[in-house]
Amino acid sequence: MREFYEFDEQQYERKGRVWKYIAVAIVFALIGAIGMYYISPFINEHSKNTAMSPGQEEQQKQQQADDSNKGIVPELGAKGDLFITTDNPVVDIAEKVGPAVVGITNKSIVTYRDWFFGDYYMEEQEGYGSGIIISEEGHIVTNAHVVQGAKEIFVVFQGEKQVKAQLVGADANSDVAVVKVDKKDVEAVEAEFTVAKLGDSDKVRPGELAVAIGNPLGHDLAGTITVGVISAINRTLVVDEKPLKLIQTDAAINRGNSGGALVNANGEVIGMNTLKGSGTEGLGFAIPTNEFLPIVEELIEKGVVVREDDKPGLGIRGQEITKEDAEKLGYPQGILVIAIAQNGAAAKAAIQPGDVIIGFNEKETKDFQTLKDLIEKQKVGDVVKVKIWREGKEFTLPVTLQPLQN
């Protein structure tokens, strides 16, 4: 559905330099891991795109630390009365809720191949969005498309104070993600840390005051406040073949507001800004708080959201190595891993960029179609045996399949 679109975070600003790789082996030694889509076997004969992530040793250690904390869901949302005055509530909301809305920078690396010359190129890119601090432990909710493909994530507090964050989990179907900052890092930069108070979105009525807070067009306009009303509730829109239940508002919402807060007259977050009408004014949409909170809790507890109709995926981005490529490069036929999805099945199994997948459950995988067919016979949570070629050595790793992100 193209009458509505996700914000600017998918249109990355190109940054950095471009490196040309002479040999594929060098490419994949330098890439790290990139991204945030899960492989699906639904890619063309040359490549299949999924989420991208660093997968470096430091992040693997962080992943182990994060896994040890999974299953513990902290108390979400601030407690107590915010004491919002009725004569001019927007001023109090700006002062008391504004610091709970942060900026999010998504740094990613995109790999391109020049099919004419056969060379690979890398580009560093940045995307911008917003997020809402929801726990004293440092959890921040945002949209999944804001952190899609992230190599690194940074949270920007008021005063342009920046802290590195870790992805806790993301669910593309609901467009909800959770990132986490270390409170010690926040204290080190002397940033103001405010937890938002979460309201009951089921009590929202059309005509109520609506205040949107976020970073339209990037961090230069961080903390922008716009005011309107709740235009409608329980709107269901289908975006990228996924139905979303949304609150409609006429408060101005622009690119970069994704993941920001929609606040009521009491200073409570009743929604997370997500979409705006294409080519229209006064037509914005937010995911209701009561819709995203259960997703947030499951992401904090498990790292993923599992549904009955979920399709399994490995969580890689790959390049098919044909017979001709294999003879030229000295690689075996199979699926060359270009990038690993952060928190994905492959990442947790220690599969690395540069590995070649040559087998799946003791069957050869010389092309994508074979891998696709074998994965489709499994279900989310199944443990499969993936045979890997790495720098001339072959070995098999157990991989627990996770939901495929479209």
Protein backbone atom coordinates (compact mmCIF):
# COMPACT_ATOMS: atom_id res chain seq x y z
CA MET A 1 0.00 0.00 0.00
CA ARG A 2 1.73 3.10 -1.20
CA GLU A 3 -0.74 5.73 -0.03
CA PHE A 4 1.10 5.51 3.27
CA TYR A 5 4.79 5.14 3.79
CA GLU A 6 7.32 4.55 6.48
CA PHE A 7 9.50 7.51 7.23
CA ASP A 8 12.85 8.70 5.99
CA GLU A 9 14.78 6.15 8.02
CA GLN A 10 14.68 3.79 5.03
CA GLN A 11 16.23 6.45 2.79
CA TYR A 12 19.70 6.61 4.17
CA GLU A 13 22.06 9.56 3.84
CA ARG A 14 25.24 8.31 2.19
CA LYS A 15 28.30 8.85 4.32
CA GLY A 16 31.91 7.82 4.52
CA ARG A 17 33.99 6.41 1.77
CA VAL A 18 33.69 3.58 -0.72
CA TRP A 19 36.17 0.74 -0.62
CA LYS A 20 36.84 -1.39 -3.65
CA TYR A 21 37.69 -4.97 -2.89
CA ILE A 22 40.17 -6.76 -5.11
CA ALA A 23 39.32 -10.25 -3.91
CA VAL A 24 36.14 -11.59 -2.40
CA ALA A 25 38.13 -13.10 0.47
CA ILE A 26 39.30 -9.61 1.50
CA VAL A 27 35.78 -8.26 1.18
CA PHE A 28 34.33 -10.67 3.66
CA ALA A 29 37.22 -10.37 6.08
CA LEU A 30 36.50 -6.64 6.33
CA ILE A 31 32.74 -6.54 6.12
CA GLY A 32 31.97 -7.56 9.73
CA ALA A 33 28.32 -8.28 9.72
CA ILE A 34 25.70 -5.96 8.41
CA GLY A 35 22.02 -5.61 8.87
CA MET A 36 18.66 -6.55 10.05
CA TYR A 37 16.49 -8.63 7.70
CA TYR A 38 16.29 -12.36 7.85
CA ILE A 39 17.31 -14.39 4.77
CA SER A 40 14.56 -15.77 3.11
CA PRO A 41 14.78 -17.96 0.40
CA PHE A 42 12.71 -15.32 -1.54
CA ILE A 43 15.64 -13.69 -3.31
CA ASN A 44 16.68 -13.78 -6.92
CA GLU A 45 19.27 -16.08 -8.43
CA HIS A 46 22.10 -13.66 -7.68
CA SER A 47 21.45 -12.40 -4.15
CA LYS A 48 18.96 -12.40 -1.34
CA ASN A 49 18.64 -9.44 1.02
CA THR A 50 17.96 -9.67 4.71
CA ALA A 51 18.82 -7.68 7.80
CA MET A 52 22.42 -6.81 8.36
CA SER A 53 24.59 -6.72 11.47
CA PRO A 54 28.23 -6.52 12.50
CA GLY A 55 28.70 -9.97 14.04
CA GLN A 56 32.10 -8.99 15.33
CA GLU A 57 33.71 -10.62 18.32
CA GLU A 58 32.93 -7.70 20.63
CA GLN A 59 29.27 -7.83 19.73
CA GLN A 60 29.19 -11.60 20.14
CA LYS A 61 30.39 -11.11 23.70
CA GLN A 62 27.74 -8.45 24.20
CA GLN A 63 25.16 -10.86 22.75
CA GLN A 64 26.12 -13.46 25.34
CA ALA A 65 25.74 -10.88 28.09
CA ASP A 66 22.37 -9.79 26.74
CA ASP A 67 21.18 -13.40 26.48
CA SER A 68 21.92 -13.91 30.16
CA ASN A 69 19.48 -11.09 30.95
CA LYS A 70 16.71 -12.35 28.70
CA GLY A 71 13.54 -13.45 30.41
CA ILE A 72 13.66 -10.55 32.87
CA VAL A 73 11.12 -7.90 31.90
CA PRO A 74 11.61 -4.71 33.94
CA GLU A 75 8.84 -2.42 35.06
CA LEU A 76 7.91 -0.38 32.01
CA GLY A 77 6.94 3.27 32.12
CA ALA A 78 7.33 5.93 34.80
CA LYS A 79 4.98 5.87 37.79
CA GLY A 80 3.28 8.70 39.63
CA ASP A 81 1.54 11.87 38.52
CA LEU A 82 3.32 14.16 36.08
CA PHE A 83 1.26 17.15 37.34
CA ILE A 84 0.43 18.55 33.92
CA THR A 85 -1.35 21.90 34.30
CA THR A 86 -4.63 22.42 32.47
CA ASP A 87 -4.16 26.06 31.44
CA ASN A 88 -1.30 25.25 29.06
CA PRO A 89 -0.58 21.50 29.17
CA VAL A 90 1.62 21.52 26.06
CA VAL A 91 4.32 23.54 27.85
CA ASP A 92 4.45 21.04 30.73
CA ILE A 93 4.41 18.12 28.29
CA ALA A 94 7.34 19.60 26.38
CA GLU A 95 9.34 20.06 29.60
CA LYS A 96 8.45 16.81 31.35
CA VAL A 97 7.95 14.32 28.51
CA GLY A 98 10.30 15.81 25.91
CA PRO A 99 13.49 14.43 27.54
CA ALA A 100 12.02 10.89 27.37
CA VAL A 101 12.00 11.08 23.56
CA VAL A 102 15.45 10.51 22.06
CA GLY A 103 17.02 10.40 18.65
CA ILE A 104 18.27 7.17 17.11
CA THR A 105 21.07 6.94 14.56
CA ASN A 106 21.30 3.75 12.54
CA LYS A 107 24.71 3.21 10.96
CA SER A 108 24.86 0.50 8.35
CA ILE A 109 27.12 -0.74 5.59
CA VAL A 110 25.63 -1.68 2.26
CA THR A 111 27.53 -3.95 -0.11
CA TYR A 112 27.18 -3.53 -3.86
CA ARG A 113 28.49 -5.69 -6.66
CA ASP A 114 29.54 -4.39 -10.05
CA TRP A 115 28.22 -7.22 -12.18
CA PHE A 116 30.14 -6.04 -15.22
CA PHE A 117 33.57 -6.16 -13.57
CA GLY A 118 32.64 -8.58 -10.78
CA ASP A 119 34.00 -6.33 -8.03
CA TYR A 120 32.40 -5.50 -4.68
CA TYR A 121 31.92 -2.10 -3.11
CA MET A 122 30.96 -1.04 0.40
CA GLU A 123 29.22 2.15 1.49
CA GLU A 124 28.57 3.41 5.00
CA GLN A 125 25.15 4.97 5.40
CA GLU A 126 23.16 6.59 8.18
CA GLY A 127 19.46 6.64 8.96
CA TYR A 128 17.67 8.71 11.59
CA GLY A 129 14.63 8.17 13.75
CA SER A 130 13.25 8.62 17.23
CA GLY A 131 12.67 6.47 20.31
CA ILE A 132 10.93 6.54 23.70
CA ILE A 133 12.69 5.67 26.96
CA ILE A 134 10.44 3.15 28.73
CA SER A 135 12.47 1.69 31.61
CA GLU A 136 14.98 2.74 34.25
CA GLU A 137 17.19 -0.09 32.98
CA GLY A 138 17.71 1.75 29.70
CA HIS A 139 15.17 0.14 27.36
CA ILE A 140 13.98 2.31 24.47
CA VAL A 141 11.12 1.46 22.12
CA THR A 142 11.23 2.50 18.48
CA ASN A 143 10.06 1.30 15.08
CA ALA A 144 11.63 -1.79 13.57
CA HIS A 145 12.28 0.08 10.31
CA VAL A 146 14.32 2.67 12.21
CA VAL A 147 16.93 0.06 13.20
CA GLN A 148 16.59 -2.10 10.11
CA GLY A 149 19.97 -3.14 8.75
CA ALA A 150 21.89 -1.58 11.63
CA LYS A 151 25.60 -2.21 11.97
CA GLU A 152 25.72 0.21 14.89
CA ILE A 153 22.99 2.03 16.81
CA PHE A 154 23.44 5.27 18.72
CA VAL A 155 20.94 7.04 20.96
CA VAL A 156 21.05 10.84 20.96
CA PHE A 157 19.83 12.59 24.11
CA GLN A 158 19.00 16.24 24.54
CA GLY A 159 22.01 18.46 23.97
CA GLU A 160 23.28 16.14 21.21
CA LYS A 161 24.78 13.78 23.79
CA GLN A 162 25.29 10.42 22.10
CA VAL A 163 25.50 6.92 23.58
CA LYS A 164 25.99 3.60 21.82
CA ALA A 165 23.04 1.19 22.10
CA GLN A 166 22.45 -2.53 21.61
CA LEU A 167 19.53 -4.02 19.72
CA VAL A 168 17.40 -6.12 22.08
CA GLY A 169 15.05 -7.32 19.36
CA ALA A 170 12.88 -6.21 16.46
CA ASP A 171 9.61 -7.44 14.98
CA ALA A 172 9.02 -6.35 11.40
CA ASN A 173 5.41 -7.54 11.37
CA SER A 174 4.37 -5.06 14.07
CA ASP A 175 7.11 -2.53 13.21
CA VAL A 176 8.25 -2.52 16.85
CA ALA A 177 11.83 -2.74 18.12
CA VAL A 178 13.64 -2.35 21.43
CA VAL A 179 17.16 -1.03 21.92
CA LYS A 180 19.01 -0.63 25.21
CA VAL A 181 21.61 1.78 26.54
CA ASP A 182 23.91 1.26 29.50
CA LYS A 183 23.02 3.75 32.24
CA LYS A 184 26.73 4.12 33.02
CA ASP A 185 27.32 5.38 29.48
CA VAL A 186 24.46 7.84 29.87
CA GLU A 187 25.90 9.12 33.14
CA ALA A 188 29.35 9.41 31.58
CA VAL A 189 28.10 11.96 29.02
CA GLU A 190 25.92 13.64 31.66
CA ALA A 191 22.77 13.21 29.59
CA GLU A 192 19.32 13.71 31.06
CA PHE A 193 17.60 10.32 31.43
CA THR A 194 13.80 10.47 31.74
CA VAL A 195 11.43 7.50 31.58
CA ALA A 196 8.12 8.18 29.83
CA LYS A 197 4.82 7.49 31.53
CA LEU A 198 2.75 5.05 29.49
CA GLY A 199 -0.98 5.61 29.16
CA ASP A 200 -3.94 3.34 28.38
CA SER A 201 -4.53 3.74 24.65
CA ASP A 202 -7.86 1.91 24.89
CA LYS A 203 -9.26 4.98 26.65
CA VAL A 204 -8.29 7.37 23.86
CA ARG A 205 -11.22 9.19 22.23
CA PRO A 206 -11.43 11.19 18.98
CA GLY A 207 -11.12 14.90 19.62
CA GLU A 208 -8.68 14.61 22.52
CA LEU A 209 -5.51 16.70 22.58
CA ALA A 210 -2.59 14.98 20.84
CA VAL A 211 1.03 16.11 21.16
CA ALA A 212 3.67 14.55 18.90
CA ILE A 213 7.32 14.64 19.95
CA GLY A 214 10.20 13.51 17.76
CA ASN A 215 13.08 14.38 15.46
CA PRO A 216 11.66 15.39 12.07
CA LEU A 217 14.23 15.42 9.27
CA GLY A 218 17.01 14.25 11.59
CA HIS A 219 18.65 15.26 14.85
CA ASP A 220 19.09 18.92 13.92
CA LEU A 221 15.41 19.40 14.75
CA ALA A 222 15.42 17.07 17.77
CA GLY A 223 12.64 17.42 20.31
CA THR A 224 10.18 19.08 17.96
CA ILE A 225 6.70 19.49 19.49
CA THR A 226 3.60 19.52 17.29
CA VAL A 227 0.00 19.71 18.50
CA GLY A 228 -3.31 18.46 17.19
CA VAL A 229 -6.13 16.14 18.12
CA ILE A 230 -6.90 12.45 17.93
CA SER A 231 -8.59 12.24 14.54
CA ALA A 232 -9.71 8.61 14.80
CA ILE A 233 -8.97 5.37 16.63
CA ASN A 234 -8.74 1.73 15.59
CA ARG A 235 -7.63 2.50 12.05
CA THR A 236 -6.34 -0.62 10.30
CA LEU A 237 -3.94 0.02 7.44
CA VAL A 238 -2.13 -2.59 5.40
CA VAL A 239 1.50 -1.58 4.88
CA ASP A 240 3.84 -3.89 2.99
CA GLU A 241 1.19 -6.62 3.24
CA LYS A 242 1.10 -6.29 7.04
CA PRO A 243 -2.02 -4.98 8.83
CA LEU A 244 -1.35 -2.40 11.53
CA LYS A 245 -3.92 -1.16 14.06
CA LEU A 246 -3.28 2.57 14.46
CA ILE A 247 -4.35 5.85 16.04
CA GLN A 248 -4.90 8.67 13.55
CA THR A 249 -3.91 12.25 14.40
CA ASP A 250 -3.61 15.60 12.67
CA ALA A 251 -0.58 16.60 14.76
CA ALA A 252 2.20 17.25 12.25
CA ILE A 253 4.37 14.16 11.81
CA ASN A 254 7.27 14.20 9.40
CA ARG A 255 10.18 12.08 8.27
CA GLY A 256 12.40 11.27 11.21
CA ASN A 257 9.46 11.12 13.64
CA SER A 258 9.33 7.32 13.42
CA GLY A 259 9.52 5.89 16.93
CA GLY A 260 8.62 9.19 18.58
CA ALA A 261 5.85 9.71 21.13
CA LEU A 262 2.20 10.61 20.73
CA VAL A 263 1.16 12.06 24.09
CA ASN A 264 -2.22 12.89 25.67
CA ALA A 265 -3.17 15.88 27.81
CA ASN A 266 -1.97 14.08 30.96
CA GLY A 267 1.53 13.68 29.57
CA GLU A 268 1.08 9.94 29.00
CA VAL A 269 2.42 8.20 25.91
CA ILE A 270 -0.60 6.74 24.10
CA GLY A 271 1.13 5.84 20.86
CA MET A 272 4.36 5.59 18.88
CA ASN A 273 4.47 7.66 15.68
CA THR A 274 4.91 5.41 12.67
CA LEU A 275 3.29 6.53 9.41
CA LYS A 276 2.08 9.59 7.58
CA GLY A 277 -0.12 10.04 4.55
CA SER A 278 1.76 10.38 1.29
CA GLY A 279 1.24 13.76 -0.33
CA THR A 280 -1.17 14.89 2.37
CA GLU A 281 -1.12 17.12 5.42
CA GLY A 282 -2.65 16.43 8.82
CA LEU A 283 -2.74 12.69 8.30
CA GLY A 284 -0.43 10.88 10.72
CA PHE A 285 -0.61 7.50 12.42
CA ALA A 286 0.76 5.97 15.62
CA ILE A 287 0.88 2.43 17.02
CA PRO A 288 -1.24 2.45 20.21
CA THR A 289 0.64 1.87 23.46
CA ASN A 290 -1.50 -1.15 24.30
CA GLU A 291 -0.54 -2.65 20.95
CA PHE A 292 3.22 -2.23 21.19
CA LEU A 293 3.70 -3.02 24.91
CA PRO A 294 3.09 -6.81 24.62
CA ILE A 295 5.52 -6.88 21.70
CA VAL A 296 8.09 -4.95 23.74
CA GLU A 297 7.76 -7.37 26.65
CA GLU A 298 8.24 -10.40 24.40
CA LEU A 299 11.25 -8.83 22.70
CA ILE A 300 12.87 -8.11 26.07
CA GLU A 301 12.07 -11.60 27.32
CA LYS A 302 12.92 -13.66 24.22
CA GLY A 303 14.60 -11.36 21.71
CA VAL A 304 12.04 -12.34 19.05
CA VAL A 305 8.29 -12.52 18.60
CA VAL A 306 7.06 -15.94 17.49
CA ARG A 307 3.71 -16.40 15.73
CA GLU A 308 2.01 -19.58 14.59
CA ASP A 309 2.27 -18.68 10.91
CA ASP A 310 5.89 -17.52 11.09
CA LYS A 311 8.24 -18.93 8.48
CA PRO A 312 11.71 -20.03 9.63
CA GLY A 313 14.87 -18.26 8.51
CA LEU A 314 18.63 -18.40 9.02
CA GLY A 315 19.16 -14.67 9.36
CA ILE A 316 21.82 -14.08 6.71
CA ARG A 317 22.41 -12.14 3.54
CA GLY A 318 24.08 -14.29 0.94
CA GLN A 319 25.55 -14.56 -2.54
CA GLU A 320 25.16 -17.70 -4.59
CA ILE A 321 28.48 -19.15 -5.75
CA THR A 322 27.97 -20.81 -9.12
CA LYS A 323 30.15 -23.54 -10.58
CA GLU A 324 31.96 -20.91 -12.65
CA ASP A 325 32.51 -18.67 -9.61
CA ALA A 326 33.79 -21.62 -7.60
CA GLU A 327 36.37 -22.53 -10.23
CA LYS A 328 37.51 -18.91 -10.52
CA LEU A 329 37.72 -18.14 -6.80
CA GLY A 330 38.72 -21.48 -5.35
CA TYR A 331 35.54 -21.63 -3.25
CA PRO A 332 33.08 -24.52 -3.11
CA GLN A 333 29.63 -24.15 -4.67
CA GLY A 334 27.11 -22.91 -2.13
CA ILE A 335 25.81 -19.78 -0.45
CA LEU A 336 28.48 -17.25 0.45
CA VAL A 337 27.46 -15.40 3.62
CA ILE A 338 27.78 -11.65 3.07
CA ALA A 339 26.14 -10.45 6.29
CA ILE A 340 24.58 -11.74 9.49
CA ALA A 341 21.29 -10.49 10.98
CA GLN A 342 21.86 -9.09 14.44
CA ASN A 343 20.31 -11.42 17.05
CA GLY A 344 19.46 -13.81 14.22
CA ALA A 345 19.74 -17.59 14.07
CA ALA A 346 23.06 -17.59 12.19
CA ALA A 347 24.61 -15.00 14.51
CA LYS A 348 23.75 -17.04 17.58
CA ALA A 349 25.24 -20.14 15.95
CA ALA A 350 28.54 -18.31 15.26
CA ILE A 351 28.21 -18.35 11.47
CA GLN A 352 30.37 -15.54 10.08
CA PRO A 353 30.51 -13.36 6.97
CA GLY A 354 32.77 -15.10 4.47
CA ASP A 355 31.48 -18.56 5.38
CA VAL A 356 30.02 -20.68 2.60
CA ILE A 357 26.93 -22.75 3.40
CA ILE A 358 27.44 -26.03 1.59
CA GLY A 359 25.02 -28.27 3.44
CA PHE A 360 21.77 -28.28 5.39
CA ASN A 361 20.70 -31.33 7.40
CA GLU A 362 23.25 -33.49 5.57
CA LYS A 363 22.07 -32.40 2.11
CA GLU A 364 24.14 -30.31 -0.30
CA THR A 365 23.11 -26.69 -0.86
CA LYS A 366 24.71 -25.55 -4.07
CA ASP A 367 22.03 -22.96 -4.88
CA PHE A 368 19.41 -20.79 -3.20
CA GLN A 369 16.48 -22.86 -4.38
CA THR A 370 17.81 -25.96 -2.64
CA LEU A 371 18.38 -24.03 0.58
CA LYS A 372 14.91 -22.47 0.29
CA ASP A 373 13.25 -25.84 -0.13
CA LEU A 374 15.09 -27.35 2.82
CA ILE A 375 14.31 -24.44 5.15
CA GLU A 376 10.62 -24.50 4.21
CA LYS A 377 10.37 -28.06 5.48
CA GLN A 378 11.28 -26.83 8.98
CA LYS A 379 9.50 -24.67 11.52
CA VAL A 380 10.57 -21.88 13.86
CA GLY A 381 12.49 -23.31 16.80
CA ASP A 382 13.79 -26.39 14.97
CA VAL A 383 17.48 -27.14 15.42
CA VAL A 384 19.11 -27.88 12.07
CA LYS A 385 22.62 -28.86 11.02
CA VAL A 386 24.30 -26.32 8.75
CA LYS A 387 27.51 -27.41 7.04
CA ILE A 388 30.02 -24.58 6.63
CA TRP A 389 33.17 -24.08 4.55
CA ARG A 390 35.49 -21.53 6.16
CA GLU A 391 38.98 -20.77 4.85
CA GLY A 392 39.45 -24.24 3.44
CA LYS A 393 37.96 -26.13 6.39
CA GLU A 394 34.55 -27.80 6.64
CA PHE A 395 32.48 -28.25 9.80
CA THR A 396 28.86 -28.44 10.91
CA LEU A 397 27.05 -26.08 13.30
CA PRO A 398 23.70 -26.57 15.06
CA VAL A 399 21.37 -23.66 14.26
CA THR A 400 18.03 -22.90 15.92
CA LEU A 401 15.78 -21.39 13.24
CA GLN A 402 14.10 -18.06 14.04
CA PRO A 403 11.17 -16.23 12.45
CA LEU A 404 11.86 -14.91 8.99
CA GLN A 405 11.58 -11.13 8.77
CA ASN A 406 10.11 -9.97 5.46
